[in-house]
Amino acid sequence: MSEGTMQRRAQREQPERAKRLTRVLVCAAAVPVMLVATGCSSDSGSDDGGDKAASASASASPSPTVQAAAYRTLPEACGVLSKKTLKDLAPKAKSGKEGTSDDVASRASCSWSSLDNNGVKGSQFRWLNVSLLRFESDTTRGPGEKLAQEYYDKQVREVRATPGAKGLNAQAVAGTGDEATAVRYDLKKKEGTFKQQTVVARVENVVVTLDYNGAGLAGDKTPDAAALLSDAKKAAREAVLSVTRANGPSAASGSPSAPASGRPSASASGAPSASASGKS
């Protein structure tokens, strides 16, 4: 083959080699890009998996729980006291007056008003009221029993702080729920001097407040405070027993026959509630 022929052949093959080299370089340059893209895709998948795992872990965390309240209902307020007790404490009361409530299973009350008119000899007045308040357990505020205990303490403090109360005395009451306090005092009004007795008792997650006052009007003699207090304690014990019975034998242990704790914080720190202010 002549030198001229070989030169022309080399000239023809040179562009072909150049094209092949260009294709090789292009592919080589593309490889890192693909690897980088693949790496990013792999990292992204890993992050998604981590987020999902964290989310699943959070959703699997247990919700806050609190022990259920022992008592789930209240008795009918006007039926917590026997006919005999009502006859002894409010002999001239024809029937009880039920308080308004939008949830009688949590809040209820009943009152009895008695006026024994003796004409020119004067009159004997008696007023009796029973209030029931039940607390449900709450994951934010705590168990129903704890909430009831806090309210019990508050009630006693309010009773002891009654404006105008004279000769106030507070004492623990045994055998009435888990804890009970009786507060007695005199309250002077234009009609006469009223002898006020308030017993605040707690049984499990229910607080019972019993108010009982008496007065001799129009010249009649003032009733004996000790006798009124004895009657009030008896009625409070009966009301607590009604709460326990209303919740059946399966309800938790709070029994009105159990001795009251008489905690100093309850009886020493507080006074008659707003509802225990010796109404007439």
Protein backbone atom coordinates (compact mmCIF):
# COMPACT_ATOMS: atom_id res chain seq x y z
CA MET A 1 0.00 0.00 0.00
CA SER A 2 1.45 3.34 -1.00
CA GLU A 3 2.28 6.04 1.47
CA GLY A 4 -0.37 8.30 0.04
CA THR A 5 -3.05 5.66 0.45
CA MET A 6 -2.10 5.03 4.09
CA GLN A 7 -2.17 8.75 4.83
CA ARG A 8 -5.65 9.13 3.39
CA ARG A 9 -6.90 6.12 5.44
CA ALA A 10 -5.49 7.56 8.66
CA GLN A 11 -7.19 10.84 7.92
CA ARG A 12 -10.55 9.05 7.50
CA GLU A 13 -10.20 7.02 10.77
CA GLN A 14 -9.15 10.01 12.88
CA PRO A 15 -12.67 11.53 13.12
CA GLU A 16 -14.12 8.12 14.06
CA ARG A 17 -11.66 7.75 16.94
CA ALA A 18 -12.44 11.25 18.07
CA LYS A 19 -16.16 10.50 18.17
CA ARG A 20 -15.60 7.29 20.17
CA LEU A 21 -13.37 9.13 22.67
CA THR A 22 -16.02 11.81 23.09
CA ARG A 23 -18.66 9.21 23.88
CA VAL A 24 -16.37 7.58 26.47
CA LEU A 25 -15.69 10.89 28.20
CA VAL A 26 -19.37 11.77 28.27
CA CYS A 27 -20.27 8.44 29.88
CA ALA A 28 -17.42 8.77 32.35
CA ALA A 29 -18.64 12.22 33.36
CA ALA A 30 -22.18 10.90 33.82
CA VAL A 31 -21.17 8.17 36.23
CA PRO A 32 -20.42 10.45 39.26
CA VAL A 33 -23.68 12.29 38.71
CA MET A 34 -25.64 9.04 38.85
CA LEU A 35 -23.75 7.94 41.93
CA VAL A 36 -24.44 11.23 43.67
CA ALA A 37 -28.11 11.03 42.76
CA THR A 38 -28.29 7.46 43.99
CA GLY A 39 -26.58 8.46 47.25
CA CYS A 40 -29.03 11.31 47.88
CA SER A 41 -31.95 9.03 47.19
CA SER A 42 -30.60 6.51 49.67
CA ASP A 43 -30.11 9.16 52.39
CA SER A 44 -33.60 10.53 51.84
CA GLY A 45 -35.11 7.09 52.28
CA SER A 46 -33.19 6.68 55.51
CA ASP A 47 -34.51 9.97 56.91
CA ASP A 48 -38.11 9.04 56.03
CA GLY A 49 -37.70 5.77 57.84
CA GLY A 50 -36.40 7.58 60.92
CA ASP A 51 -39.32 10.02 60.92
CA LYS A 52 -41.81 7.19 60.58
CA ALA A 53 -40.16 5.26 63.39
CA ALA A 54 -40.24 8.32 65.67
CA SER A 55 -43.87 8.95 64.79
CA ALA A 56 -44.78 5.34 65.50
CA SER A 57 -42.94 5.49 68.82
CA ALA A 58 -44.80 8.65 69.81
CA SER A 59 -48.17 7.21 68.91
CA ALA A 60 -47.39 4.07 70.89
CA SER A 61 -46.72 6.07 74.09
CA PRO A 62 -49.40 5.26 76.71
CA SER A 63 -51.97 7.96 77.50
CA PRO A 64 -52.04 9.34 81.06
CA THR A 65 -54.35 7.31 83.31
CA VAL A 66 -55.99 7.94 86.67
CA GLN A 67 -57.80 5.62 89.05
CA ALA A 68 -61.56 5.62 88.51
CA ALA A 69 -63.70 7.25 91.19
CA ALA A 70 -65.29 4.83 93.65
CA TYR A 71 -68.82 6.25 93.60
CA ARG A 72 -70.57 6.85 90.28
CA THR A 73 -73.89 8.34 91.40
CA LEU A 74 -75.75 10.15 94.16
CA PRO A 75 -78.95 9.25 95.97
CA GLU A 76 -82.03 11.43 95.57
CA ALA A 77 -81.25 14.38 97.83
CA CYS A 78 -84.74 14.67 99.34
CA GLY A 79 -84.64 10.96 100.20
CA VAL A 80 -81.33 10.73 102.08
CA LEU A 81 -83.01 11.17 105.48
CA SER A 82 -85.64 8.91 107.02
CA LYS A 83 -89.11 10.16 107.90
CA LYS A 84 -88.29 9.75 111.59
CA THR A 85 -85.18 11.91 111.30
CA LEU A 86 -87.08 14.58 109.42
CA LYS A 87 -89.84 14.54 112.04
CA ASP A 88 -87.28 15.01 114.79
CA LEU A 89 -85.32 17.78 113.08
CA ALA A 90 -88.01 19.60 111.09
CA PRO A 91 -91.36 18.51 112.57
CA LYS A 92 -93.47 21.09 110.73
CA ALA A 93 -91.89 20.65 107.31
CA LYS A 94 -94.42 19.25 104.84
CA SER A 95 -91.88 18.23 102.21
CA GLY A 96 -88.36 18.87 101.07
CA LYS A 97 -87.47 21.48 98.48
CA GLU A 98 -85.08 20.04 95.91
CA GLY A 99 -82.31 22.32 94.70
CA THR A 100 -81.76 22.95 91.00
CA SER A 101 -79.07 20.90 89.28
CA ASP A 102 -78.17 20.13 85.69
CA ASP A 103 -76.59 16.83 86.74
CA VAL A 104 -78.20 15.17 89.76
CA ALA A 105 -75.66 12.33 89.59
CA SER A 106 -72.90 14.82 90.46
CA ARG A 107 -74.60 17.61 92.39
CA ALA A 108 -77.83 17.59 94.40
CA SER A 109 -79.42 19.26 97.42
CA CYS A 110 -82.64 19.40 99.41
CA SER A 111 -83.90 21.67 102.19
CA TRP A 112 -86.67 21.55 104.78
CA SER A 113 -88.15 24.54 106.61
CA SER A 114 -90.16 24.11 109.83
CA LEU A 115 -92.02 26.73 111.85
CA ASP A 116 -93.85 25.64 114.98
CA ASN A 117 -96.06 28.63 115.74
CA ASN A 118 -97.19 28.83 119.37
CA GLY A 119 -99.10 32.08 119.01
CA VAL A 120 -98.38 34.61 121.76
CA LYS A 121 -95.83 32.22 123.25
CA GLY A 122 -93.64 32.59 120.20
CA SER A 123 -92.42 30.12 117.60
CA GLN A 124 -89.73 27.54 117.10
CA PHE A 125 -87.97 27.70 113.75
CA ARG A 126 -85.81 24.96 112.21
CA TRP A 127 -84.04 24.88 108.87
CA LEU A 128 -82.31 21.79 107.49
CA ASN A 129 -80.33 21.44 104.28
CA VAL A 130 -78.33 18.57 102.76
CA SER A 131 -75.93 19.16 99.85
CA LEU A 132 -74.18 16.37 97.94
CA LEU A 133 -71.27 16.84 95.58
CA ARG A 134 -69.57 14.00 93.69
CA PHE A 135 -66.19 14.29 91.97
CA GLU A 136 -65.09 12.31 88.92
CA SER A 137 -61.46 11.33 88.38
CA ASP A 138 -59.69 13.52 85.84
CA THR A 139 -56.37 12.86 84.09
CA THR A 140 -55.40 16.51 84.51
CA ARG A 141 -56.75 17.30 88.00
CA GLY A 142 -56.29 13.90 89.62
CA PRO A 143 -58.38 11.13 91.27
CA GLY A 144 -61.93 11.88 92.36
CA GLU A 145 -61.11 11.06 95.99
CA LYS A 146 -58.29 13.64 96.01
CA LEU A 147 -60.56 16.29 94.49
CA ALA A 148 -63.25 15.52 97.06
CA GLN A 149 -60.75 15.81 99.89
CA GLU A 150 -59.61 19.20 98.63
CA TYR A 151 -63.21 20.39 98.45
CA TYR A 152 -63.91 19.00 101.92
CA ASP A 153 -61.04 21.04 103.37
CA LYS A 154 -62.25 24.13 101.52
CA GLN A 155 -65.80 23.68 102.84
CA VAL A 156 -64.60 23.44 106.43
CA ARG A 157 -62.45 26.56 106.03
CA GLU A 158 -65.38 28.49 104.58
CA VAL A 159 -67.70 27.43 107.40
CA ARG A 160 -65.19 28.52 109.99
CA ALA A 161 -64.90 31.89 108.25
CA THR A 162 -68.64 32.69 108.32
CA PRO A 163 -69.07 36.47 108.81
CA GLY A 164 -70.68 37.37 112.11
CA ALA A 165 -70.26 33.92 113.68
CA LYS A 166 -70.08 34.02 117.48
CA GLY A 167 -68.77 31.34 119.84
CA LEU A 168 -67.54 29.20 116.94
CA ASN A 169 -66.35 25.69 117.76
CA ALA A 170 -65.11 22.93 115.42
CA GLN A 171 -64.65 19.24 116.20
CA ALA A 172 -63.92 16.01 114.36
CA VAL A 173 -66.88 13.65 113.99
CA ALA A 174 -66.30 9.90 114.29
CA GLY A 175 -68.20 7.21 112.42
CA THR A 176 -69.21 9.45 109.52
CA GLY A 177 -67.56 8.55 106.24
CA ASP A 178 -63.81 8.78 105.75
CA GLU A 179 -63.56 12.11 107.54
CA ALA A 180 -66.02 14.60 109.00
CA THR A 181 -65.98 17.88 110.87
CA ALA A 182 -68.79 19.60 112.78
CA VAL A 183 -68.81 23.37 113.19
CA ARG A 184 -71.23 25.19 115.51
CA TYR A 185 -71.74 28.88 116.15
CA ASP A 186 -74.36 31.54 116.93
CA LEU A 187 -75.58 34.00 114.34
CA LYS A 188 -77.61 37.01 115.40
CA LYS A 189 -80.33 38.28 113.06
CA LYS A 190 -83.17 40.73 113.45
CA GLU A 191 -85.57 37.81 114.09
CA GLY A 192 -83.41 36.43 116.90
CA THR A 193 -80.31 34.36 117.61
CA PHE A 194 -79.87 31.34 115.34
CA LYS A 195 -77.96 28.32 116.54
CA GLN A 196 -76.11 27.00 113.49
CA GLN A 197 -74.72 23.48 113.15
CA THR A 198 -72.81 22.40 110.01
CA VAL A 199 -71.38 18.93 109.45
CA VAL A 200 -69.07 18.44 106.47
CA ALA A 201 -68.28 14.82 105.67
CA ARG A 202 -66.39 13.02 102.91
CA VAL A 203 -66.92 9.42 101.84
CA GLU A 204 -64.65 8.38 98.97
CA ASN A 205 -65.23 10.91 96.15
CA VAL A 206 -68.42 12.45 97.58
CA VAL A 207 -68.71 15.39 99.98
CA VAL A 208 -71.85 15.77 102.11
CA THR A 209 -72.59 19.12 103.75
CA LEU A 210 -75.45 19.19 106.25
CA ASP A 211 -76.66 22.50 107.66
CA TYR A 212 -79.07 22.65 110.57
CA ASN A 213 -80.10 25.73 112.48
CA GLY A 214 -82.77 26.64 114.99
CA ALA A 215 -84.11 29.71 116.71
CA GLY A 216 -86.78 30.75 119.20
CA LEU A 217 -88.76 33.57 117.59
CA ALA A 218 -91.21 36.14 118.96
CA GLY A 219 -90.08 35.59 122.52
CA ASP A 220 -89.85 31.79 122.50
CA LYS A 221 -86.81 30.24 124.15
CA THR A 222 -83.58 29.67 122.24
CA PRO A 223 -83.07 25.97 121.38
CA ASP A 224 -80.32 24.00 123.06
CA ALA A 225 -77.20 24.08 120.86
CA ALA A 226 -75.89 20.73 122.14
CA ALA A 227 -79.17 19.00 121.24
CA LEU A 228 -79.14 20.58 117.77
CA LEU A 229 -75.57 19.45 117.21
CA SER A 230 -76.38 15.89 118.26
CA ASP A 231 -79.28 15.82 115.79
CA ALA A 232 -77.10 17.27 113.02
CA LYS A 233 -74.42 14.61 113.51
CA LYS A 234 -77.02 11.87 113.41
CA ALA A 235 -78.55 13.23 110.21
CA ALA A 236 -75.13 13.64 108.55
CA ARG A 237 -74.26 10.03 109.34
CA GLU A 238 -77.57 8.94 107.81
CA ALA A 239 -76.94 11.01 104.66
CA VAL A 240 -73.47 9.50 104.21
CA LEU A 241 -74.94 6.02 104.57
CA SER A 242 -77.47 6.86 101.83
CA VAL A 243 -74.61 7.78 99.49
CA THR A 244 -72.90 4.44 100.13
CA ARG A 245 -76.10 2.46 99.64
CA ALA A 246 -76.90 4.29 96.40
CA ASN A 247 -73.70 2.93 94.89
CA GLY A 248 -74.36 -0.69 95.87
CA PRO A 249 -72.20 -3.33 97.54
CA SER A 250 -69.72 -3.31 94.64
CA ALA A 251 -68.72 0.29 95.39
CA ALA A 252 -65.37 0.81 97.06
CA SER A 253 -64.90 0.63 100.76
CA GLY A 254 -65.98 4.06 102.05
CA SER A 255 -68.30 3.12 104.86
CA PRO A 256 -69.99 5.63 107.14
CA SER A 257 -69.36 3.26 110.01
CA ALA A 258 -65.61 3.71 109.62
CA PRO A 259 -64.12 6.21 112.07
CA ALA A 260 -63.46 9.64 110.67
CA SER A 261 -59.84 10.68 110.42
CA GLY A 262 -60.40 14.06 112.04
CA ARG A 263 -57.35 15.43 110.21
CA PRO A 264 -56.12 18.64 111.90
CA SER A 265 -55.76 20.32 108.50
CA ALA A 266 -59.50 20.02 107.98
CA SER A 267 -60.87 20.92 111.38
CA ALA A 268 -58.20 23.41 112.40
CA SER A 269 -57.83 25.42 109.22
CA GLY A 270 -61.16 26.34 108.05
CA ALA A 271 -65.29 27.34 108.91
CA PRO A 272 -69.53 27.03 107.76
CA SER A 273 -69.64 27.09 103.95
CA ALA A 274 -71.47 29.59 101.83
CA SER A 275 -74.39 27.18 101.92
CA ALA A 276 -73.95 26.70 105.66
CA SER A 277 -74.38 30.27 106.77
CA GLY A 278 -77.43 29.86 108.96
CA LYS A 279 -80.19 30.70 106.49
CA SER A 280 -83.62 31.55 107.81
